Amino acid sequence: TVETWYNGLSTTDKNYIDTKAIYCNDRNIGSGTYSTNNTFYYAAYTRLITNKTPTYECSNTSDRFYNFGLMTADEVSYAGGLLETNNASVYYYLNASGGSSTGGNWWWTMSPYRFYWDSSANNSAGVFIVGGSGNPGYLTNTTVYHSGAVVRPVVSLKSSVLVTGGSGTGSDPYTLTIE
């Protein structure tokens, strides 16, 4: 879905994007043993829940994506998101009008949470997710088969991009120019 969105951008729009920015889908194991017969937790779980030490680092080069991605749970944490706590004042929740940028929709992060093994074959993979207007800015986790969440792509703009107008609303979007 995100790749389709990105590929649909115009060449002009893509000229504003910093293609050297890294988006990290950190698949390092934080605790447990990687196996389809064990429950284990990914590094984001250990960083955010156990140690409370988010990072921008992406140590595994094969987990790096360029041009676009989704926010990571670490980035949500740096932006003021707290695990299982509503926070309607964080920037990733608000739109320019002061309301929810995703309405009532929850949205996926790029950070895996855990793999849960169950001997009755009810295995499940989990990912960090962020709440919409019913739970504003609420960082938690859910299984990947959760159907109520949306993707929310992010890009990084080149440092030479300036905001030259607009208020950031749907009817008055920001206008950008490259210096």
N, C-alpha and C. Protein backbone atom coordinates (compact mmCIF):
# COMPACT_ATOMS: atom_id res chain seq x y z
N THR A 1 0.82 -1.20 0.00
CA THR A 1 0.00 0.00 0.00
C THR A 1 0.86 1.25 0.00
N VAL A 2 1.91 1.28 0.85
CA VAL A 2 2.77 2.45 0.93
C VAL A 2 3.58 2.61 -0.35
N GLU A 3 4.05 1.52 -0.89
CA GLU A 3 4.81 1.59 -2.13
C GLU A 3 3.94 2.11 -3.28
N THR A 4 2.69 1.66 -3.34
CA THR A 4 1.76 2.14 -4.36
C THR A 4 1.55 3.64 -4.21
N TRP A 5 1.37 4.10 -2.97
CA TRP A 5 1.22 5.53 -2.71
C TRP A 5 2.45 6.30 -3.21
N TYR A 6 3.63 5.83 -2.83
CA TYR A 6 4.87 6.52 -3.22
C TYR A 6 5.04 6.54 -4.75
N ASN A 7 4.79 5.41 -5.39
CA ASN A 7 4.94 5.34 -6.84
C ASN A 7 3.95 6.24 -7.56
N GLY A 8 2.84 6.60 -6.92
CA GLY A 8 1.85 7.49 -7.50
C GLY A 8 2.20 8.97 -7.36
N LEU A 9 3.25 9.30 -6.60
CA LEU A 9 3.67 10.70 -6.49
C LEU A 9 4.27 11.17 -7.80
N SER A 10 4.11 12.45 -8.06
CA SER A 10 4.68 13.01 -9.29
C SER A 10 6.19 13.15 -9.14
N THR A 11 6.88 13.28 -10.25
CA THR A 11 8.32 13.52 -10.23
C THR A 11 8.63 14.80 -9.47
N THR A 12 7.81 15.81 -9.64
CA THR A 12 7.99 17.08 -8.91
C THR A 12 7.91 16.84 -7.40
N ASP A 13 6.90 16.09 -6.96
CA ASP A 13 6.77 15.79 -5.53
C ASP A 13 7.99 15.02 -5.02
N LYS A 14 8.46 14.06 -5.79
CA LYS A 14 9.60 13.25 -5.37
C LYS A 14 10.89 14.07 -5.28
N ASN A 15 10.97 15.20 -6.00
CA ASN A 15 12.16 16.06 -5.92
C ASN A 15 12.34 16.67 -4.54
N TYR A 16 11.29 16.74 -3.73
CA TYR A 16 11.35 17.31 -2.39
C TYR A 16 11.81 16.30 -1.34
N ILE A 17 11.84 15.04 -1.69
CA ILE A 17 12.09 13.97 -0.72
C ILE A 17 13.58 13.68 -0.58
N ASP A 18 14.02 13.58 0.66
CA ASP A 18 15.41 13.21 0.97
C ASP A 18 15.54 11.70 0.80
N THR A 19 16.21 11.29 -0.27
CA THR A 19 16.32 9.85 -0.57
C THR A 19 17.40 9.15 0.24
N LYS A 20 18.11 9.91 1.10
CA LYS A 20 19.12 9.31 1.97
C LYS A 20 18.59 9.03 3.38
N ALA A 21 17.38 9.48 3.67
CA ALA A 21 16.78 9.24 4.98
C ALA A 21 16.52 7.74 5.14
N ILE A 22 16.73 7.23 6.34
CA ILE A 22 16.58 5.80 6.62
C ILE A 22 15.32 5.56 7.44
N TYR A 23 14.55 4.56 7.05
CA TYR A 23 13.39 4.09 7.81
C TYR A 23 13.71 2.66 8.22
N CYS A 24 13.63 2.38 9.50
CA CYS A 24 14.14 1.12 10.04
C CYS A 24 13.04 0.17 10.49
N ASN A 25 12.98 -0.99 9.89
CA ASN A 25 12.10 -2.06 10.30
C ASN A 25 12.93 -3.05 11.13
N ASP A 26 13.29 -2.64 12.35
CA ASP A 26 14.23 -3.37 13.20
C ASP A 26 13.69 -4.75 13.57
N ARG A 27 14.28 -5.79 12.96
CA ARG A 27 13.85 -7.16 13.25
C ARG A 27 14.79 -7.87 14.21
N ASN A 28 15.70 -7.12 14.88
CA ASN A 28 16.58 -7.75 15.87
C ASN A 28 15.75 -8.31 17.02
N ILE A 29 16.21 -9.40 17.58
CA ILE A 29 15.52 -10.04 18.70
C ILE A 29 15.97 -9.39 20.00
N GLY A 30 15.00 -9.04 20.84
CA GLY A 30 15.31 -8.42 22.13
C GLY A 30 15.39 -9.43 23.25
N SER A 31 14.48 -10.39 23.25
CA SER A 31 14.52 -11.45 24.26
C SER A 31 13.82 -12.69 23.71
N GLY A 32 14.27 -13.84 24.18
CA GLY A 32 13.76 -15.10 23.68
C GLY A 32 14.63 -15.59 22.54
N THR A 33 14.23 -16.69 21.95
CA THR A 33 14.99 -17.29 20.86
C THR A 33 14.14 -17.30 19.61
N TYR A 34 14.72 -16.79 18.52
CA TYR A 34 14.00 -16.75 17.25
C TYR A 34 13.69 -18.17 16.81
N SER A 35 12.41 -18.50 16.72
CA SER A 35 11.96 -19.81 16.28
C SER A 35 10.46 -19.75 16.11
N THR A 36 9.93 -20.57 15.24
CA THR A 36 8.48 -20.64 15.10
C THR A 36 7.86 -21.51 16.18
N ASN A 37 8.67 -22.09 17.10
CA ASN A 37 8.13 -22.86 18.22
C ASN A 37 8.35 -22.17 19.56
N ASN A 38 8.70 -20.90 19.56
CA ASN A 38 8.94 -20.17 20.80
C ASN A 38 8.30 -18.79 20.73
N THR A 39 7.94 -18.26 21.88
CA THR A 39 7.56 -16.87 21.95
C THR A 39 8.84 -16.06 22.11
N PHE A 40 8.98 -15.01 21.33
CA PHE A 40 10.14 -14.13 21.49
C PHE A 40 9.69 -12.70 21.22
N TYR A 41 10.47 -11.76 21.73
CA TYR A 41 10.18 -10.34 21.61
C TYR A 41 11.25 -9.66 20.77
N TYR A 42 10.82 -8.72 19.96
CA TYR A 42 11.75 -7.96 19.13
C TYR A 42 12.42 -6.86 19.96
N ALA A 43 13.49 -6.30 19.41
CA ALA A 43 14.29 -5.31 20.12
C ALA A 43 13.49 -4.07 20.51
N ALA A 44 12.51 -3.67 19.71
CA ALA A 44 11.71 -2.49 20.06
C ALA A 44 10.97 -2.71 21.38
N TYR A 45 10.49 -3.91 21.62
CA TYR A 45 9.85 -4.24 22.89
C TYR A 45 10.82 -4.02 24.04
N THR A 46 12.03 -4.56 23.90
CA THR A 46 13.04 -4.43 24.96
C THR A 46 13.40 -2.96 25.17
N ARG A 47 13.60 -2.21 24.09
CA ARG A 47 13.96 -0.80 24.22
C ARG A 47 12.87 0.02 24.87
N LEU A 48 11.61 -0.16 24.43
CA LEU A 48 10.54 0.73 24.86
C LEU A 48 9.83 0.27 26.12
N ILE A 49 9.69 -1.01 26.33
CA ILE A 49 8.93 -1.51 27.46
C ILE A 49 9.84 -1.90 28.62
N THR A 50 10.89 -2.64 28.35
CA THR A 50 11.78 -3.10 29.42
C THR A 50 12.75 -1.99 29.86
N ASN A 51 13.49 -1.42 28.90
CA ASN A 51 14.56 -0.47 29.24
C ASN A 51 14.17 1.00 29.14
N LYS A 52 13.08 1.29 28.41
CA LYS A 52 12.63 2.66 28.17
C LYS A 52 13.75 3.54 27.57
N THR A 53 14.36 3.00 26.51
CA THR A 53 15.46 3.69 25.82
C THR A 53 15.26 3.64 24.31
N PRO A 54 14.40 4.49 23.76
CA PRO A 54 14.21 4.49 22.30
C PRO A 54 15.49 4.90 21.59
N THR A 55 15.57 4.58 20.31
CA THR A 55 16.77 4.93 19.53
C THR A 55 16.38 5.24 18.09
N TYR A 56 17.24 5.98 17.43
CA TYR A 56 17.11 6.20 15.99
C TYR A 56 18.06 5.29 15.23
N GLU A 57 18.85 4.50 15.92
CA GLU A 57 19.83 3.62 15.29
C GLU A 57 19.13 2.51 14.50
N CYS A 58 19.81 2.05 13.46
CA CYS A 58 19.32 0.92 12.67
C CYS A 58 20.54 0.06 12.35
N SER A 59 20.86 -0.84 13.26
CA SER A 59 22.12 -1.58 13.17
C SER A 59 22.15 -2.62 12.05
N ASN A 60 21.02 -3.18 11.69
CA ASN A 60 20.97 -4.21 10.66
C ASN A 60 20.69 -3.54 9.30
N THR A 61 21.68 -3.51 8.43
CA THR A 61 21.51 -2.81 7.15
C THR A 61 20.39 -3.40 6.29
N SER A 62 20.06 -4.66 6.47
CA SER A 62 18.97 -5.24 5.66
C SER A 62 17.60 -4.83 6.19
N ASP A 63 17.55 -4.12 7.32
CA ASP A 63 16.28 -3.60 7.85
C ASP A 63 16.05 -2.14 7.45
N ARG A 64 16.93 -1.59 6.63
CA ARG A 64 16.84 -0.18 6.24
C ARG A 64 16.06 -0.03 4.93
N PHE A 65 15.16 0.96 4.95
CA PHE A 65 14.40 1.33 3.76
C PHE A 65 14.69 2.79 3.47
N TYR A 66 14.63 3.18 2.23
CA TYR A 66 14.91 4.55 1.82
C TYR A 66 13.70 5.12 1.09
N ASN A 67 13.62 6.42 1.00
CA ASN A 67 12.58 7.19 0.30
C ASN A 67 11.29 7.34 1.10
N PHE A 68 10.79 6.29 1.73
CA PHE A 68 9.53 6.36 2.47
C PHE A 68 9.46 5.22 3.48
N GLY A 69 8.53 5.31 4.38
CA GLY A 69 8.33 4.24 5.37
C GLY A 69 7.12 4.54 6.21
N LEU A 70 7.08 3.95 7.39
CA LEU A 70 6.09 4.24 8.42
C LEU A 70 6.87 4.72 9.63
N MET A 71 6.22 5.44 10.55
CA MET A 71 6.91 5.81 11.79
C MET A 71 7.23 4.53 12.55
N THR A 72 8.33 4.57 13.31
CA THR A 72 8.66 3.45 14.18
C THR A 72 8.09 3.74 15.57
N ALA A 73 7.97 2.71 16.38
CA ALA A 73 7.53 2.90 17.76
C ALA A 73 8.52 3.77 18.53
N ASP A 74 9.81 3.68 18.19
CA ASP A 74 10.82 4.53 18.82
C ASP A 74 10.56 6.00 18.50
N GLU A 75 10.24 6.30 17.25
CA GLU A 75 9.94 7.68 16.86
C GLU A 75 8.69 8.19 17.56
N VAL A 76 7.68 7.34 17.69
CA VAL A 76 6.47 7.72 18.43
C VAL A 76 6.85 8.05 19.88
N SER A 77 7.72 7.25 20.46
CA SER A 77 8.17 7.49 21.83
C SER A 77 8.93 8.81 21.95
N TYR A 78 9.86 9.08 21.03
CA TYR A 78 10.60 10.35 21.03
C TYR A 78 9.66 11.54 20.87
N ALA A 79 8.55 11.35 20.16
CA ALA A 79 7.61 12.44 19.91
C ALA A 79 6.62 12.63 21.05
N GLY A 80 6.80 11.90 22.14
CA GLY A 80 5.95 12.08 23.32
C GLY A 80 4.97 10.96 23.57
N GLY A 81 4.95 9.96 22.70
CA GLY A 81 4.05 8.83 22.89
C GLY A 81 4.51 7.95 24.04
N LEU A 82 3.58 7.59 24.90
CA LEU A 82 3.87 6.71 26.02
C LEU A 82 3.04 5.44 25.87
N LEU A 83 3.61 4.34 26.24
CA LEU A 83 2.93 3.06 26.12
C LEU A 83 1.61 3.10 26.90
N GLU A 84 0.54 2.75 26.20
CA GLU A 84 -0.81 2.63 26.76
C GLU A 84 -1.25 3.85 27.55
N THR A 85 -0.95 5.03 26.96
CA THR A 85 -1.34 6.31 27.55
C THR A 85 -1.89 7.21 26.45
N ASN A 86 -3.11 7.74 26.64
CA ASN A 86 -3.66 8.70 25.69
C ASN A 86 -2.88 10.00 25.77
N ASN A 87 -2.63 10.62 24.62
CA ASN A 87 -1.95 11.91 24.58
C ASN A 87 -2.38 12.63 23.32
N ALA A 88 -3.37 13.49 23.44
CA ALA A 88 -3.94 14.19 22.28
C ALA A 88 -3.12 15.40 21.86
N SER A 89 -2.01 15.69 22.53
CA SER A 89 -1.24 16.88 22.18
C SER A 89 0.04 16.58 21.41
N VAL A 90 0.33 15.33 21.11
CA VAL A 90 1.56 14.99 20.39
C VAL A 90 1.39 15.28 18.90
N TYR A 91 2.48 15.69 18.26
CA TYR A 91 2.38 16.15 16.87
C TYR A 91 1.92 15.06 15.91
N TYR A 92 2.25 13.80 16.15
CA TYR A 92 1.87 12.75 15.21
C TYR A 92 0.37 12.46 15.27
N TYR A 93 -0.31 12.95 16.30
CA TYR A 93 -1.76 12.75 16.41
C TYR A 93 -2.53 13.91 15.77
N LEU A 94 -2.03 15.14 15.92
CA LEU A 94 -2.78 16.33 15.53
C LEU A 94 -2.64 16.70 14.07
N ASN A 95 -3.72 17.20 13.49
CA ASN A 95 -3.63 17.84 12.19
C ASN A 95 -3.55 19.35 12.41
N ALA A 96 -3.45 20.12 11.36
CA ALA A 96 -3.27 21.57 11.50
C ALA A 96 -4.46 22.26 12.16
N SER A 97 -5.62 21.62 12.16
CA SER A 97 -6.81 22.19 12.80
C SER A 97 -6.93 21.77 14.27
N GLY A 98 -5.97 21.01 14.77
CA GLY A 98 -5.99 20.59 16.17
C GLY A 98 -6.79 19.32 16.42
N GLY A 99 -7.23 18.64 15.36
CA GLY A 99 -7.97 17.39 15.50
C GLY A 99 -7.11 16.20 15.15
N SER A 100 -7.72 15.03 15.16
CA SER A 100 -7.00 13.80 14.84
C SER A 100 -6.61 13.76 13.37
N SER A 101 -5.34 13.47 13.10
CA SER A 101 -4.90 13.39 11.71
C SER A 101 -5.38 12.11 11.02
N THR A 102 -5.84 11.13 11.79
CA THR A 102 -6.34 9.89 11.19
C THR A 102 -7.78 9.59 11.58
N GLY A 103 -8.48 10.57 12.17
CA GLY A 103 -9.85 10.33 12.62
C GLY A 103 -9.86 9.26 13.69
N GLY A 104 -10.81 8.36 13.63
CA GLY A 104 -10.90 7.29 14.60
C GLY A 104 -10.00 6.11 14.31
N ASN A 105 -9.30 6.14 13.18
CA ASN A 105 -8.46 5.01 12.78
C ASN A 105 -7.21 4.87 13.62
N TRP A 106 -6.92 3.64 13.98
CA TRP A 106 -5.61 3.29 14.53
C TRP A 106 -4.67 3.17 13.34
N TRP A 107 -3.36 3.31 13.58
CA TRP A 107 -2.42 3.19 12.47
C TRP A 107 -1.19 2.40 12.89
N TRP A 108 -0.66 1.70 11.89
CA TRP A 108 0.49 0.81 12.08
C TRP A 108 1.78 1.60 12.22
N THR A 109 2.68 1.11 13.04
CA THR A 109 4.07 1.58 13.01
C THR A 109 4.85 0.56 12.19
N MET A 110 6.13 0.81 12.03
CA MET A 110 7.00 -0.09 11.29
C MET A 110 7.71 -1.08 12.23
N SER A 111 7.39 -1.03 13.53
CA SER A 111 8.13 -1.80 14.54
C SER A 111 7.43 -3.08 14.96
N PRO A 112 8.06 -4.23 14.72
CA PRO A 112 7.49 -5.48 15.22
C PRO A 112 7.59 -5.54 16.74
N TYR A 113 6.67 -6.25 17.37
CA TYR A 113 6.56 -6.34 18.82
C TYR A 113 7.00 -7.71 19.34
N ARG A 114 6.31 -8.75 18.89
CA ARG A 114 6.66 -10.10 19.33
C ARG A 114 6.09 -11.14 18.38
N PHE A 115 6.60 -12.35 18.54
CA PHE A 115 5.99 -13.52 17.92
C PHE A 115 5.54 -14.41 19.07
N TYR A 116 4.27 -14.76 19.07
CA TYR A 116 3.71 -15.57 20.14
C TYR A 116 3.46 -16.99 19.62
N TRP A 117 4.08 -17.96 20.28
CA TRP A 117 3.90 -19.34 19.88
C TRP A 117 2.91 -20.00 20.82
N ASP A 118 2.01 -20.76 20.24
CA ASP A 118 0.98 -21.46 21.00
C ASP A 118 0.94 -22.90 20.48
N SER A 119 1.03 -23.88 21.36
CA SER A 119 1.08 -25.28 20.94
C SER A 119 -0.18 -25.72 20.19
N SER A 120 -1.27 -25.00 20.33
CA SER A 120 -2.49 -25.35 19.60
C SER A 120 -2.53 -24.69 18.22
N ALA A 121 -1.39 -24.17 17.77
CA ALA A 121 -1.23 -23.57 16.43
C ALA A 121 -1.95 -22.23 16.30
N ASN A 122 -2.20 -21.56 17.41
CA ASN A 122 -2.76 -20.21 17.36
C ASN A 122 -1.62 -19.19 17.42
N ASN A 123 -0.58 -19.43 16.64
CA ASN A 123 0.57 -18.54 16.62
C ASN A 123 0.17 -17.17 16.09
N SER A 124 0.85 -16.14 16.57
CA SER A 124 0.55 -14.81 16.06
C SER A 124 1.78 -13.92 16.13
N ALA A 125 1.86 -13.00 15.19
CA ALA A 125 2.91 -11.99 15.19
C ALA A 125 2.27 -10.68 15.61
N GLY A 126 3.02 -9.89 16.36
CA GLY A 126 2.50 -8.62 16.84
C GLY A 126 3.33 -7.45 16.36
N VAL A 127 2.70 -6.28 16.31
CA VAL A 127 3.35 -5.06 15.88
C VAL A 127 2.83 -3.92 16.75
N PHE A 128 3.65 -2.87 16.89
CA PHE A 128 3.20 -1.68 17.61
C PHE A 128 2.21 -0.92 16.74
N ILE A 129 1.22 -0.31 17.39
CA ILE A 129 0.13 0.39 16.71
C ILE A 129 -0.20 1.64 17.53
N VAL A 130 -0.76 2.69 16.89
CA VAL A 130 -1.08 3.94 17.57
C VAL A 130 -2.56 4.26 17.39
N GLY A 131 -3.18 4.77 18.45
CA GLY A 131 -4.61 5.03 18.48
C GLY A 131 -5.05 6.28 17.75
N GLY A 132 -6.29 6.24 17.27
CA GLY A 132 -6.95 7.39 16.65
C GLY A 132 -7.72 8.18 17.69
N SER A 133 -8.80 8.85 17.29
CA SER A 133 -9.50 9.79 18.16
C SER A 133 -10.10 9.14 19.42
N GLY A 134 -10.43 7.86 19.39
CA GLY A 134 -10.96 7.20 20.59
C GLY A 134 -9.90 6.98 21.65
N ASN A 135 -8.66 6.85 21.24
CA ASN A 135 -7.49 6.70 22.13
C ASN A 135 -6.36 7.52 21.54
N PRO A 136 -6.41 8.84 21.64
CA PRO A 136 -5.47 9.71 20.93
C PRO A 136 -4.01 9.48 21.32
N GLY A 137 -3.21 9.18 20.29
CA GLY A 137 -1.77 9.02 20.49
C GLY A 137 -1.36 7.80 21.28
N TYR A 138 -2.25 6.89 21.55
CA TYR A 138 -2.06 5.72 22.41
C TYR A 138 -1.19 4.68 21.72
N LEU A 139 -0.01 4.42 22.26
CA LEU A 139 0.92 3.43 21.70
C LEU A 139 0.70 2.09 22.39
N THR A 140 0.42 1.06 21.61
CA THR A 140 0.22 -0.28 22.16
C THR A 140 0.62 -1.29 21.09
N ASN A 141 0.17 -2.50 21.21
CA ASN A 141 0.49 -3.52 20.20
C ASN A 141 -0.75 -4.33 19.89
N THR A 142 -0.71 -4.97 18.75
CA THR A 142 -1.79 -5.86 18.35
C THR A 142 -1.22 -6.88 17.38
N THR A 143 -2.03 -7.86 17.03
CA THR A 143 -1.58 -8.87 16.07
C THR A 143 -1.67 -8.30 14.66
N VAL A 144 -0.88 -8.84 13.77
CA VAL A 144 -0.84 -8.30 12.41
C VAL A 144 -2.11 -8.58 11.62
N TYR A 145 -2.97 -9.44 12.10
CA TYR A 145 -4.22 -9.67 11.38
C TYR A 145 -5.32 -8.73 11.83
N HIS A 146 -5.02 -7.76 12.69
CA HIS A 146 -5.97 -6.73 13.10
C HIS A 146 -6.42 -5.96 11.87
N SER A 147 -7.70 -5.83 11.65
CA SER A 147 -8.18 -5.24 10.40
C SER A 147 -8.57 -3.77 10.51
N GLY A 148 -8.55 -3.18 11.69
CA GLY A 148 -9.04 -1.82 11.83
C GLY A 148 -8.00 -0.74 11.71
N ALA A 149 -6.77 -1.07 11.38
CA ALA A 149 -5.71 -0.06 11.32
C ALA A 149 -5.42 0.36 9.89
N VAL A 150 -4.84 1.54 9.75
CA VAL A 150 -4.47 2.06 8.44
C VAL A 150 -2.96 2.28 8.39
N VAL A 151 -2.44 2.40 7.18
CA VAL A 151 -1.03 2.78 7.03
C VAL A 151 -0.97 4.29 6.89
N ARG A 152 0.09 4.85 7.40
CA ARG A 152 0.29 6.29 7.38
C ARG A 152 1.72 6.56 6.92
N PRO A 153 1.93 6.69 5.62
CA PRO A 153 3.29 6.82 5.11
C PRO A 153 3.97 8.11 5.57
N VAL A 154 5.28 8.03 5.71
CA VAL A 154 6.07 9.21 6.04
C VAL A 154 7.23 9.33 5.06
N VAL A 155 7.64 10.55 4.82
CA VAL A 155 8.83 10.85 4.04
C VAL A 155 9.61 11.92 4.80
N SER A 156 10.87 12.05 4.47
CA SER A 156 11.68 13.14 5.01
C SER A 156 11.96 14.11 3.87
N LEU A 157 11.77 15.38 4.14
CA LEU A 157 12.02 16.39 3.12
C LEU A 157 13.48 16.80 3.13
N LYS A 158 13.97 17.20 1.97
CA LYS A 158 15.33 17.71 1.88
C LYS A 158 15.45 18.96 2.75
N SER A 159 16.64 19.22 3.26
CA SER A 159 16.86 20.40 4.11
C SER A 159 16.67 21.70 3.34
N SER A 160 16.70 21.66 2.04
CA SER A 160 16.52 22.87 1.23
C SER A 160 15.05 23.20 0.96
N VAL A 161 14.12 22.40 1.48
CA VAL A 161 12.69 22.63 1.27
C VAL A 161 12.18 23.65 2.29
N LEU A 162 11.45 24.65 1.79
CA LEU A 162 10.86 25.67 2.65
C LEU A 162 9.34 25.63 2.54
N VAL A 163 8.65 25.87 3.65
CA VAL A 163 7.20 26.03 3.63
C VAL A 163 6.94 27.49 3.28
N THR A 164 6.23 27.72 2.19
CA THR A 164 6.01 29.09 1.72
C THR A 164 4.56 29.54 1.82
N GLY A 165 3.68 28.68 2.27
CA GLY A 165 2.29 29.07 2.39
C GLY A 165 1.43 27.92 2.88
N GLY A 166 0.16 28.19 3.03
CA GLY A 166 -0.80 27.19 3.47
C GLY A 166 -0.78 27.00 4.98
N SER A 167 -1.88 26.43 5.49
CA SER A 167 -1.98 26.20 6.94
C SER A 167 -1.89 24.72 7.30
N GLY A 168 -1.77 23.85 6.30
CA GLY A 168 -1.63 22.43 6.55
C GLY A 168 -2.94 21.68 6.66
N THR A 169 -4.06 22.32 6.40
CA THR A 169 -5.35 21.63 6.42
C THR A 169 -5.62 21.02 5.05
N GLY A 170 -6.63 20.17 4.97
CA GLY A 170 -6.99 19.55 3.69
C GLY A 170 -7.42 20.58 2.67
N SER A 171 -8.08 21.64 3.10
CA SER A 171 -8.54 22.67 2.16
C SER A 171 -7.49 23.75 1.90
N ASP A 172 -6.44 23.80 2.72
CA ASP A 172 -5.37 24.77 2.56
C ASP A 172 -4.03 24.11 2.86
N PRO A 173 -3.61 23.17 2.00
CA PRO A 173 -2.37 22.43 2.28
C PRO A 173 -1.14 23.34 2.24
N TYR A 174 -0.09 22.90 2.93
CA TYR A 174 1.17 23.64 2.87
C TYR A 174 1.66 23.68 1.43
N THR A 175 2.29 24.77 1.07
CA THR A 175 2.97 24.86 -0.22
C THR A 175 4.46 24.89 0.08
N LEU A 176 5.22 24.21 -0.76
CA LEU A 176 6.65 24.04 -0.55
C LEU A 176 7.43 24.53 -1.74
N THR A 177 8.63 25.00 -1.48
CA THR A 177 9.57 25.34 -2.55
C THR A 177 10.94 24.83 -2.13
N ILE A 178 11.80 24.61 -3.11
CA ILE A 178 13.17 24.19 -2.83
C ILE A 178 14.05 25.41 -3.00
N GLU A 179 14.86 25.66 -2.00
CA GLU A 179 15.77 26.80 -2.00
C GLU A 179 16.82 26.67 -3.07
